[in-house]
C-alpha atoms as a PDB file:
ATOM      1  CA  MET A   1     -55.491  18.526  17.432  1.00  0.00           C
ATOM      2  CA  ASN A   2     -56.201  16.590  14.199  1.00  0.00           C
ATOM      3  CA  ARG A   3     -54.806  18.879  11.239  1.00  0.00           C
ATOM      4  CA  PRO A   4     -53.069  17.410   8.297  1.00  0.00           C
ATOM      5  CA  GLN A   5     -54.384  20.048   6.343  1.00  0.00           C
ATOM      6  CA  VAL A   6     -52.125  22.284   7.820  1.00  0.00           C
ATOM      7  CA  TYR A   7     -49.241  20.400   8.466  1.00  0.00           C
ATOM      8  CA  LEU A   8     -49.578  19.738   4.397  1.00  0.00           C
ATOM      9  CA  SER A   9     -49.447  23.398   3.743  1.00  0.00           C
ATOM     10  CA  LEU A  10     -46.370  23.998   6.470  1.00  0.00           C
ATOM     11  CA  ILE A  11     -44.182  21.480   4.314  1.00  0.00           C
ATOM     12  CA  LEU A  12     -42.612  24.010   2.143  1.00  0.00           C
ATOM     13  CA  MET A  13     -40.370  21.881   0.794  1.00  0.00           C
ATOM     14  CA  LEU A  14     -36.706  19.537   1.843  1.00  0.00           C
ATOM     15  CA  ILE A  15     -34.208  22.160   4.089  1.00  0.00           C
ATOM     16  CA  THR A  16     -31.435  23.466   2.348  1.00  0.00           C
ATOM     17  CA  LEU A  17     -28.469  21.850   4.350  1.00  0.00           C
ATOM     18  CA  ALA A  18     -25.786  23.884   3.426  1.00  0.00           C
ATOM     19  CA  GLY A  19     -25.046  27.136   6.069  1.00  0.00           C
ATOM     20  CA  ALA A  20     -22.524  28.299   9.048  1.00  0.00           C
ATOM     21  CA  GLN A  21     -22.656  26.630  12.115  1.00  0.00           C
ATOM     22  CA  GLN A  22     -24.551  29.026  14.664  1.00  0.00           C
ATOM     23  CA  LYS A  23     -24.063  29.858  18.526  1.00  0.00           C
ATOM     24  CA  PRO A  24     -26.357  28.848  20.820  1.00  0.00           C
ATOM     25  CA  VAL A  25     -28.454  31.208  21.761  1.00  0.00           C
ATOM     26  CA  THR A  26     -30.971  30.984  24.682  1.00  0.00           C
ATOM     27  CA  SER A  27     -34.133  33.111  23.593  1.00  0.00           C
ATOM     28  CA  PRO A  28     -35.745  34.352  19.974  1.00  0.00           C
ATOM     29  CA  PRO A  29     -33.865  37.522  18.829  1.00  0.00           C
ATOM     30  CA  ALA A  30     -34.846  40.853  18.379  1.00  0.00           C
ATOM     31  CA  ALA A  31     -33.045  41.965  15.612  1.00  0.00           C
ATOM     32  CA  LYS A  32     -33.087  41.342  11.606  1.00  0.00           C
ATOM     33  CA  THR A  33     -31.617  37.886  10.761  1.00  0.00           C
ATOM     34  CA  THR A  34     -27.473  38.418  10.534  1.00  0.00           C
ATOM     35  CA  ALA A  35     -25.506  36.382   8.484  1.00  0.00           C
ATOM     36  CA  ALA A  36     -23.741  35.165  11.266  1.00  0.00           C
ATOM     37  CA  SER A  37     -26.136  33.124  13.285  1.00  0.00           C
ATOM     38  CA  ASN A  38     -28.622  32.406  10.506  1.00  0.00           C
ATOM     39  CA  LEU A  39     -31.428  32.412  13.054  1.00  0.00           C
ATOM     40  CA  PRO A  40     -34.751  33.667  11.880  1.00  0.00           C
ATOM     41  CA  THR A  41     -35.763  36.530  14.086  1.00  0.00           C
ATOM     42  CA  GLN A  42     -39.421  36.572  16.212  1.00  0.00           C
ATOM     43  CA  GLU A  43     -40.852  38.932  13.810  1.00  0.00           C
ATOM     44  CA  THR A  44     -40.573  37.260  10.941  1.00  0.00           C
ATOM     45  CA  VAL A  45     -41.724  33.925  12.467  1.00  0.00           C
ATOM     46  CA  ASN A  46     -44.598  35.929  13.797  1.00  0.00           C
ATOM     47  CA  ALA A  47     -45.352  37.194  10.372  1.00  0.00           C
ATOM     48  CA  PHE A  48     -44.801  33.488   8.849  1.00  0.00           C
ATOM     49  CA  MET A  49     -47.634  32.174  11.371  1.00  0.00           C
ATOM     50  CA  HIS A  50     -50.002  35.250  10.790  1.00  0.00           C
ATOM     51  CA  GLN A  51     -49.917  34.202   6.709  1.00  0.00           C
ATOM     52  CA  MET A  52     -50.671  30.506   7.380  1.00  0.00           C
ATOM     53  CA  PHE A  53     -53.310  30.924  10.281  1.00  0.00           C
ATOM     54  CA  GLY A  54     -54.236  34.276  10.223  1.00  0.00           C
ATOM     55  CA  TYR A  55     -57.369  33.582   7.833  1.00  0.00           C
ATOM     56  CA  ASP A  56     -58.580  31.761  11.207  1.00  0.00           C
ATOM     57  CA  PRO A  57     -59.591  34.330  14.225  1.00  0.00           C
ATOM     58  CA  SER A  58     -59.881  30.921  16.507  1.00  0.00           C
ATOM     59  CA  GLU A  59     -56.173  30.803  16.013  1.00  0.00           C
ATOM     60  CA  SER A  60     -53.070  31.956  17.905  1.00  0.00           C
ATOM     61  CA  TRP A  61     -49.879  30.736  18.321  1.00  0.00           C
ATOM     62  CA  GLU A  62     -46.587  31.402  20.847  1.00  0.00           C
ATOM     63  CA  VAL A  63     -42.858  31.396  19.471  1.00  0.00           C
ATOM     64  CA  LEU A  64     -41.625  29.310  22.436  1.00  0.00           C
ATOM     65  CA  ALA A  65     -37.632  29.439  21.190  1.00  0.00           C
ATOM     66  CA  ILE A  66     -35.661  30.066  18.474  1.00  0.00           C
ATOM     67  CA  LYS A  67     -32.210  28.253  18.439  1.00  0.00           C
ATOM     68  CA  PRO A  68     -29.377  26.238  16.537  1.00  0.00           C
ATOM     69  CA  SER A  69     -31.017  22.860  15.448  1.00  0.00           C
ATOM     70  CA  PRO A  70     -28.320  19.618  15.625  1.00  0.00           C
ATOM     71  CA  ILE A  71     -27.994  19.858  12.217  1.00  0.00           C
ATOM     72  CA  PRO A  72     -25.191  22.728  11.404  1.00  0.00           C
ATOM     73  CA  GLY A  73     -26.864  25.392   9.738  1.00  0.00           C
ATOM     74  CA  ILE A  74     -30.476  24.317  10.224  1.00  0.00           C
ATOM     75  CA  SER A  75     -32.905  26.570  12.397  1.00  0.00           C
ATOM     76  CA  GLU A  76     -35.354  25.553  15.088  1.00  0.00           C
ATOM     77  CA  VAL A  77     -37.947  27.317  15.605  1.00  0.00           C
ATOM     78  CA  ASN A  78     -40.967  26.272  18.695  1.00  0.00           C
ATOM     79  CA  VAL A  79     -43.952  27.061  18.304  1.00  0.00           C
ATOM     80  CA  ALA A  80     -47.580  26.693  20.799  1.00  0.00           C
ATOM     81  CA  LEU A  81     -50.891  26.623  18.202  1.00  0.00           C
ATOM     82  CA  LYS A  82     -53.824  27.511  20.600  1.00  0.00           C
ATOM     83  CA  ASN A  83     -57.408  27.476  19.334  1.00  0.00           C
ATOM     84  CA  PRO A  84     -60.937  26.725  21.738  1.00  0.00           C
ATOM     85  CA  GLN A  85     -60.120  23.252  21.611  1.00  0.00           C
ATOM     86  CA  GLY A  86     -56.165  23.283  23.093  1.00  0.00           C
ATOM     87  CA  GLN A  87     -52.767  23.924  22.437  1.00  0.00           C
ATOM     88  CA  GLN A  88     -50.550  21.844  20.113  1.00  0.00           C
ATOM     89  CA  ASN A  89     -46.458  21.939  20.109  1.00  0.00           C
ATOM     90  CA  THR A  90     -45.043  22.195  17.013  1.00  0.00           C
ATOM     91  CA  LYS A  91     -41.492  22.476  15.811  1.00  0.00           C
ATOM     92  CA  LEU A  92     -39.892  23.987  12.421  1.00  0.00           C
ATOM     93  CA  TYR A  93     -37.014  23.454  10.643  1.00  0.00           C
ATOM     94  CA  VAL A  94     -36.338  26.050   9.060  1.00  0.00           C
ATOM     95  CA  GLY A  95     -33.162  26.416   6.351  1.00  0.00           C
ATOM     96  CA  ALA A  96     -29.802  28.313   5.932  1.00  0.00           C
ATOM     97  CA  ASP A  97     -31.767  30.253   3.089  1.00  0.00           C
ATOM     98  CA  GLY A  98     -34.510  30.860   5.291  1.00  0.00           C
ATOM     99  CA  GLN A  99     -36.808  30.963   2.603  1.00  0.00           C
ATOM    100  CA  HIS A 100     -37.892  27.122   3.278  1.00  0.00           C
ATOM    101  CA  ALA A 101     -38.920  25.500   5.894  1.00  0.00           C
ATOM    102  CA  LEU A 102     -39.654  21.787   7.047  1.00  0.00           C
ATOM    103  CA  ILE A 103     -42.232  20.347  10.329  1.00  0.00           C
ATOM    104  CA  GLY A 104     -41.476  17.419  12.093  1.00  0.00           C
ATOM    105  CA  ASP A 105     -38.705  16.080  13.782  1.00  0.00           C
ATOM    106  CA  ILE A 106     -35.461  15.492  13.905  1.00  0.00           C
ATOM    107  CA  ILE A 107     -34.218  11.873  15.090  1.00  0.00           C
ATOM    108  CA  PRO A 108     -30.566  10.125  16.195  1.00  0.00           C
ATOM    109  CA  PHE A 109     -29.463   8.797  13.430  1.00  0.00           C
ATOM    110  CA  GLY A 110     -26.397   5.645  13.126  1.00  0.00           C
ATOM    111  CA  ALA A 111     -25.187   1.922  14.249  1.00  0.00           C
ATOM    112  CA  ASP A 112     -26.424   3.545  18.078  1.00  0.00           C
ATOM    113  CA  PRO A 113     -28.662   5.632  17.961  1.00  0.00           C
ATOM    114  CA  PHE A 114     -29.571   6.270  21.238  1.00  0.00           C
ATOM    115  CA  ALA A 115     -26.799   5.812  22.883  1.00  0.00           C
ATOM    116  CA  ALA A 116     -26.302  10.028  23.736  1.00  0.00           C
ATOM    117  CA  ALA A 117     -29.592  10.568  25.150  1.00  0.00           C
ATOM    118  CA  ARG A 118     -28.750   7.230  26.671  1.00  0.00           C
ATOM    119  CA  LYS A 119     -25.530   8.419  28.550  1.00  0.00           C
ATOM    120  CA  THR A 120     -26.878  11.582  29.367  1.00  0.00           C
ATOM    121  CA  LEU A 121     -29.879  10.105  31.496  1.00  0.00           C
ATOM    122  CA  ASP A 122     -27.667   7.534  32.930  1.00  0.00           C
ATOM    123  CA  LYS A 123     -26.114  10.874  34.344  1.00  0.00           C
ATOM    124  CA  GLY A 124     -28.492  13.088  34.922  1.00  0.00           C
ATOM    125  CA  VAL A 125     -31.462  11.434  36.465  1.00  0.00           C
ATOM    126  CA  ASN A 126     -32.256  11.912  40.494  1.00  0.00           C
ATOM    127  CA  GLY A 127     -35.656  10.773  40.894  1.00  0.00           C
ATOM    128  CA  PRO A 128     -36.831   7.683  42.531  1.00  0.00           C
ATOM    129  CA  SER A 129     -37.404   4.714  41.002  1.00  0.00           C
ATOM    130  CA  ARG A 130     -39.235   0.910  41.190  1.00  0.00           C
ATOM    131  CA  GLY A 131     -37.577  -2.304  39.550  1.00  0.00           C
ATOM    132  CA  PRO A 132     -33.654  -3.791  39.680  1.00  0.00           C
ATOM    133  CA  ALA A 133     -31.308  -1.347  40.341  1.00  0.00           C
ATOM    134  CA  ASP A 134     -29.380  -3.595  37.836  1.00  0.00           C
ATOM    135  CA  ALA A 135     -31.923  -4.030  35.027  1.00  0.00           C
ATOM    136  CA  PRO A 136     -30.470  -4.615  31.608  1.00  0.00           C
ATOM    137  CA  VAL A 137     -33.890  -2.128  30.652  1.00  0.00           C
ATOM    138  CA  THR A 138     -34.056   1.292  32.339  1.00  0.00           C
ATOM    139  CA  ILE A 139     -37.366   3.108  31.542  1.00  0.00           C
ATOM    140  CA  VAL A 140     -37.414   6.856  32.288  1.00  0.00           C
ATOM    141  CA  GLU A 141     -40.539   8.829  32.585  1.00  0.00           C
ATOM    142  CA  PHE A 142     -40.866  12.877  32.027  1.00  0.00           C
ATOM    143  CA  SER A 143     -44.192  12.974  33.697  1.00  0.00           C
ATOM    144  CA  ASP A 144     -46.192  15.881  34.713  1.00  0.00           C
ATOM    145  CA  LEU A 145     -49.047  15.487  37.799  1.00  0.00           C
ATOM    146  CA  GLN A 146     -51.245  18.158  36.063  1.00  0.00           C
ATOM    147  CA  CYS A 147     -51.232  16.437  32.482  1.00  0.00           C
ATOM    148  CA  PRO A 148     -54.461  14.234  32.006  1.00  0.00           C
ATOM    149  CA  HIS A 149     -51.751  12.215  29.398  1.00  0.00           C
ATOM    150  CA  CYS A 150     -49.742  10.897  32.178  1.00  0.00           C
ATOM    151  CA  LYS A 151     -52.782  10.045  34.747  1.00  0.00           C
ATOM    152  CA  GLU A 152     -54.201   8.130  31.430  1.00  0.00           C
ATOM    153  CA  ALA A 153     -51.022   6.434  30.419  1.00  0.00           C
ATOM    154  CA  GLN A 154     -49.824   5.510  34.240  1.00  0.00           C
ATOM    155  CA  PRO A 155     -52.312   2.061  33.718  1.00  0.00           C
ATOM    156  CA  THR A 156     -50.305   1.148  30.737  1.00  0.00           C
ATOM    157  CA  ILE A 157     -47.097   1.838  32.310  1.00  0.00           C
ATOM    158  CA  ASP A 158     -47.751  -0.254  36.091  1.00  0.00           C
ATOM    159  CA  LYS A 159     -48.302  -3.359  33.807  1.00  0.00           C
ATOM    160  CA  LEU A 160     -45.283  -3.024  31.881  1.00  0.00           C
ATOM    161  CA  LEU A 161     -43.794  -3.270  34.942  1.00  0.00           C
ATOM    162  CA  VAL A 162     -45.420  -5.945  36.333  1.00  0.00           C
ATOM    163  CA  GLU A 163     -45.079  -7.975  33.111  1.00  0.00           C
ATOM    164  CA  GLU A 164     -41.657  -6.809  32.599  1.00  0.00           C
ATOM    165  CA  LYS A 165     -39.225  -8.505  35.710  1.00  0.00           C
ATOM    166  CA  ASN A 166     -35.711  -6.970  33.716  1.00  0.00           C
ATOM    167  CA  ALA A 167     -37.119  -3.109  33.717  1.00  0.00           C
ATOM    168  CA  ARG A 168     -36.707  -0.571  36.181  1.00  0.00           C
ATOM    169  CA  LEU A 169     -38.412   2.675  36.046  1.00  0.00           C
ATOM    170  CA  VAL A 170     -37.111   6.158  37.158  1.00  0.00           C
ATOM    171  CA  PHE A 171     -39.689   8.734  37.280  1.00  0.00           C
ATOM    172  CA  GLN A 172     -38.047  12.177  36.888  1.00  0.00           C
ATOM    173  CA  ASN A 173     -40.459  16.152  37.090  1.00  0.00           C
ATOM    174  CA  PHE A 174     -41.308  17.756  33.916  1.00  0.00           C
ATOM    175  CA  PRO A 175     -44.088  19.972  35.155  1.00  0.00           C
ATOM    176  CA  LEU A 176     -45.285  21.800  31.996  1.00  0.00           C
ATOM    177  CA  GLN A 177     -45.451  26.229  32.773  1.00  0.00           C
ATOM    178  CA  SER A 178     -48.808  25.542  30.993  1.00  0.00           C
ATOM    179  CA  HIS A 179     -49.859  23.961  33.987  1.00  0.00           C
ATOM    180  CA  ASP A 180     -50.887  26.423  37.412  1.00  0.00           C
ATOM    181  CA  TRP A 181     -50.252  24.005  40.081  1.00  0.00           C
ATOM    182  CA  ALA A 182     -47.804  21.101  38.995  1.00  0.00           C
ATOM    183  CA  ALA A 183     -44.385  22.523  39.725  1.00  0.00           C
ATOM    184  CA  LYS A 184     -45.617  21.983  42.958  1.00  0.00           C
ATOM    185  CA  ALA A 185     -47.006  19.540  43.080  1.00  0.00           C
ATOM    186  CA  ALA A 186     -43.449  18.450  42.066  1.00  0.00           C
ATOM    187  CA  ALA A 187     -41.757  19.472  44.820  1.00  0.00           C
ATOM    188  CA  TYR A 188     -43.935  17.548  47.127  1.00  0.00           C
ATOM    189  CA  GLY A 189     -43.494  14.729  44.742  1.00  0.00           C
ATOM    190  CA  ASP A 190     -39.552  15.114  44.968  1.00  0.00           C
ATOM    191  CA  CYS A 191     -39.659  15.833  48.874  1.00  0.00           C
ATOM    192  CA  ILE A 192     -41.660  12.389  49.393  1.00  0.00           C
ATOM    193  CA  GLY A 193     -39.166  10.868  46.798  1.00  0.00           C
ATOM    194  CA  ARG A 194     -36.569  11.066  48.948  1.00  0.00           C
ATOM    195  CA  SER A 195     -37.742  10.283  52.202  1.00  0.00           C
ATOM    196  CA  SER A 196     -40.301   6.922  50.664  1.00  0.00           C
ATOM    197  CA  SER A 197     -40.361   5.215  47.166  1.00  0.00           C
ATOM    198  CA  ASP A 198     -43.295   3.550  48.397  1.00  0.00           C
ATOM    199  CA  ALA A 199     -44.990   6.518  49.433  1.00  0.00           C
ATOM    200  CA  PHE A 200     -43.889   8.251  46.426  1.00  0.00           C
ATOM    201  CA  TRP A 201     -45.820   5.323  44.297  1.00  0.00           C
ATOM    202  CA  LYS A 202     -48.699   6.227  46.278  1.00  0.00           C
ATOM    203  CA  PHE A 203     -48.660  10.441  46.192  1.00  0.00           C
ATOM    204  CA  VAL A 204     -48.315  10.107  42.497  1.00  0.00           C
ATOM    205  CA  GLN A 205     -51.154   7.705  41.679  1.00  0.00           C
ATOM    206  CA  SER A 206     -53.522   9.761  44.408  1.00  0.00           C
ATOM    207  CA  VAL A 207     -52.299  13.269  42.703  1.00  0.00           C
ATOM    208  CA  TYR A 208     -53.688  11.628  39.394  1.00  0.00           C
ATOM    209  CA  ASP A 209     -56.869  10.646  41.013  1.00  0.00           C
ATOM    210  CA  ALA A 210     -57.322  13.764  42.448  1.00  0.00           C
ATOM    211  CA  GLN A 211     -56.930  16.089  39.849  1.00  0.00           C
ATOM    212  CA  SER A 212     -60.355  17.418  39.190  1.00  0.00           C
ATOM    213  CA  ASP A 213     -59.997  18.147  42.740  1.00  0.00           C
ATOM    214  CA  ILE A 214     -56.860  20.407  42.668  1.00  0.00           C
ATOM    215  CA  LEU A 215     -57.130  23.956  42.137  1.00  0.00           C
ATOM    216  CA  ALA A 216     -54.280  26.267  42.294  1.00  0.00           C
ATOM    217  CA  SER A 217     -56.054  28.216  44.934  1.00  0.00           C
ATOM    218  CA  ASN A 218     -56.324  24.788  47.405  1.00  0.00           C
ATOM    219  CA  ALA A 219     -53.226  22.624  45.627  1.00  0.00           C
ATOM    220  CA  ASP A 220     -51.394  23.113  49.622  1.00  0.00           C
ATOM    221  CA  GLU A 221     -53.995  22.150  51.332  1.00  0.00           C
ATOM    222  CA  LYS A 222     -55.228  19.109  48.885  1.00  0.00           C
ATOM    223  CA  LEU A 223     -51.265  17.946  48.359  1.00  0.00           C
ATOM    224  CA  THR A 224     -50.464  17.863  51.772  1.00  0.00           C
ATOM    225  CA  ALA A 225     -53.967  15.691  52.328  1.00  0.00           C
ATOM    226  CA  LEU A 226     -52.417  13.404  49.927  1.00  0.00           C
ATOM    227  CA  ALA A 227     -49.093  12.946  51.441  1.00  0.00           C
ATOM    228  CA  ASP A 228     -50.111  12.168  54.573  1.00  0.00           C
ATOM    229  CA  LYS A 229     -53.115   9.429  53.304  1.00  0.00           C
ATOM    230  CA  SER A 230     -49.315   8.280  51.136  1.00  0.00           C
ATOM    231  CA  GLY A 231     -47.906   7.439  54.523  1.00  0.00           C
ATOM    232  CA  VAL A 232     -45.317  10.421  55.105  1.00  0.00           C
ATOM    233  CA  LYS A 233     -46.153  13.535  57.436  1.00  0.00           C
ATOM    234  CA  GLY A 234     -48.142  15.967  55.374  1.00  0.00           C
ATOM    235  CA  SER A 235     -46.854  19.323  56.787  1.00  0.00           C
ATOM    236  CA  ASP A 236     -42.935  18.649  56.569  1.00  0.00           C
ATOM    237  CA  VAL A 237     -43.465  17.717  52.988  1.00  0.00           C
ATOM    238  CA  ALA A 238     -45.110  20.918  52.617  1.00  0.00           C
ATOM    239  CA  ALA A 239     -42.423  22.459  54.320  1.00  0.00           C
ATOM    240  CA  CYS A 240     -39.490  20.519  52.411  1.00  0.00           C
ATOM    241  CA  ALA A 241     -41.232  21.476  49.059  1.00  0.00           C
ATOM    242  CA  ALA A 242     -41.185  25.389  49.990  1.00  0.00           C
ATOM    243  CA  LYS A 243     -36.718  25.433  49.546  1.00  0.00           C
ATOM    244  CA  PRO A 244     -34.862  26.280  47.629  1.00  0.00           C
ATOM    245  CA  GLU A 245     -33.151  23.751  46.958  1.00  0.00           C
ATOM    246  CA  THR A 246     -36.311  21.438  46.291  1.00  0.00           C
ATOM    247  CA  THR A 247     -37.222  24.020  43.078  1.00  0.00           C
ATOM    248  CA  SER A 248     -33.431  23.702  42.129  1.00  0.00           C
ATOM    249  CA  ARG A 249     -33.777  19.765  41.489  1.00  0.00           C
ATOM    250  CA  VAL A 250     -37.326  19.939  39.845  1.00  0.00           C
ATOM    251  CA  GLU A 251     -35.761  22.569  37.727  1.00  0.00           C
ATOM    252  CA  GLN A 252     -32.486  19.817  37.061  1.00  0.00           C
ATOM    253  CA  SER A 253     -35.041  17.997  36.297  1.00  0.00           C
ATOM    254  CA  ILE A 254     -36.970  19.807  33.644  1.00  0.00           C
ATOM    255  CA  ALA A 255     -33.331  20.963  32.213  1.00  0.00           C
ATOM    256  CA  LEU A 256     -32.196  16.783  31.795  1.00  0.00           C
ATOM    257  CA  GLY A 257     -35.929  16.497  30.087  1.00  0.00           C
ATOM    258  CA  LYS A 258     -35.189  19.531  27.948  1.00  0.00           C
ATOM    259  CA  SER A 259     -31.358  18.076  27.364  1.00  0.00           C
ATOM    260  CA  VAL A 260     -32.674  15.203  25.387  1.00  0.00           C
ATOM    261  CA  ASP A 261     -35.718  17.267  23.570  1.00  0.00           C
ATOM    262  CA  VAL A 262     -38.706  16.201  26.081  1.00  0.00           C
ATOM    263  CA  ASN A 263     -41.304  19.068  24.629  1.00  0.00           C
ATOM    264  CA  GLY A 264     -44.532  17.020  26.035  1.00  0.00           C
ATOM    265  CA  THR A 265     -45.527  14.828  28.660  1.00  0.00           C
ATOM    266  CA  PRO A 266     -45.282  11.869  29.413  1.00  0.00           C
ATOM    267  CA  THR A 267     -42.386  11.052  27.417  1.00  0.00           C
ATOM    268  CA  LEU A 268     -40.647   7.999  27.706  1.00  0.00           C
ATOM    269  CA  PHE A 269     -36.692   6.649  27.462  1.00  0.00           C
ATOM    270  CA  ILE A 270     -36.339   3.227  27.097  1.00  0.00           C
ATOM    271  CA  ASN A 271     -32.912   2.870  27.348  1.00  0.00           C
ATOM    272  CA  GLY A 272     -32.139   6.005  25.493  1.00  0.00           C
ATOM    273  CA  ARG A 273     -35.091   5.421  22.690  1.00  0.00           C
ATOM    274  CA  LYS A 274     -37.813   7.835  22.891  1.00  0.00           C
ATOM    275  CA  VAL A 275     -41.228   7.586  22.847  1.00  0.00           C
ATOM    276  CA  GLY A 276     -43.563  10.295  23.418  1.00  0.00           C
ATOM    277  CA  ASN A 277     -46.861   8.942  22.207  1.00  0.00           C
ATOM    278  CA  VAL A 278     -47.530   6.584  25.102  1.00  0.00           C
ATOM    279  CA  THR A 279     -51.371   6.699  25.144  1.00  0.00           C
ATOM    280  CA  GLY A 280     -51.319   6.367  21.313  1.00  0.00           C
ATOM    281  CA  LEU A 281     -48.665   3.590  21.125  1.00  0.00           C
ATOM    282  CA  PRO A 282     -50.228  -0.136  21.409  1.00  0.00           C
ATOM    283  CA  TYR A 283     -49.333  -1.710  24.836  1.00  0.00           C
ATOM    284  CA  GLU A 284     -47.765  -4.285  22.548  1.00  0.00           C
ATOM    285  CA  VAL A 285     -45.236  -2.534  20.945  1.00  0.00           C
ATOM    286  CA  LEU A 286     -44.089  -1.015  24.449  1.00  0.00           C
ATOM    287  CA  LYS A 287     -43.707  -4.118  25.762  1.00  0.00           C
ATOM    288  CA  GLN A 288     -41.903  -5.571  21.976  1.00  0.00           C
ATOM    289  CA  LEU A 289     -39.710  -2.213  22.819  1.00  0.00           C
ATOM    290  CA  ALA A 290     -38.986  -2.990  26.739  1.00  0.00           C
ATOM    291  CA  GLU A 291     -38.037  -6.596  26.156  1.00  0.00           C
ATOM    292  CA  PHE A 292     -36.080  -5.897  22.654  1.00  0.00           C
ATOM    293  CA  GLY A 293     -33.458  -3.239  25.079  1.00  0.00           C
ATOM    294  CA  ALA A 294     -33.413  -6.602  27.315  1.00  0.00           C
ATOM    295  CA  LYS A 295     -32.165  -8.447  24.405  1.00  0.00           C
ATOM    296  CA  LYS A 296     -29.150  -6.260  23.383  1.00  0.00           C
END
């Protein structure tokens, strides 16, 4: 959704960076903002969104999260904007005074800005991989097997791995809540990945190819058949996918993604450097990022 006029209206002015340290919260508070937290309330966010978008009856929104940002004194508000053309998740950073906000992303800074994400991913990845284990470049892909953009990006990622022999790819499940069979596909993929790496990559491609035929109502049947075609026993995979420990592994992968600020799919990390717009990035730029990582 291309809405530059909306974004311009949302950029009210630069955020005031002063404010007290906030305590983390796991859900939007129900009461009014307190001096201790400086977090805006869900009521305030909804009132703001109504003022910004209430003029258009085709627009709706959902407040996904209200939490402290990485910058002390600044609140992060995650909102899903919805209209007939689709959904777009947006972040607002609200100043400590509660009167000003900025739309955009907070990015890491410093002599090695990607070190923290790289360290977190090195410790947390648990998905199947391909490429040399000792490769100087590690590409971590957070993906959703029901996501059409992930399907679109896969040929680009495959091409990169063919041309960059010094790169290793690790696949991490990140099924989106808005997709009704993605979590089930992630569970199947997790089980196959632990059984056979070759079968896993075949399964991923086959699911992408069959996306339009898979529904929540037939997902088990379709995914079991695709597992069989990938070279593993589909019935065994289906039984594995239903186990609580498999669900836990998928949830761990989602949590890992959220810890490095993944909020959409596909998202790549090249030695810790986040690349969110994979399908919109020219291939040569993606290749240059991988080559640059290998040199470092």
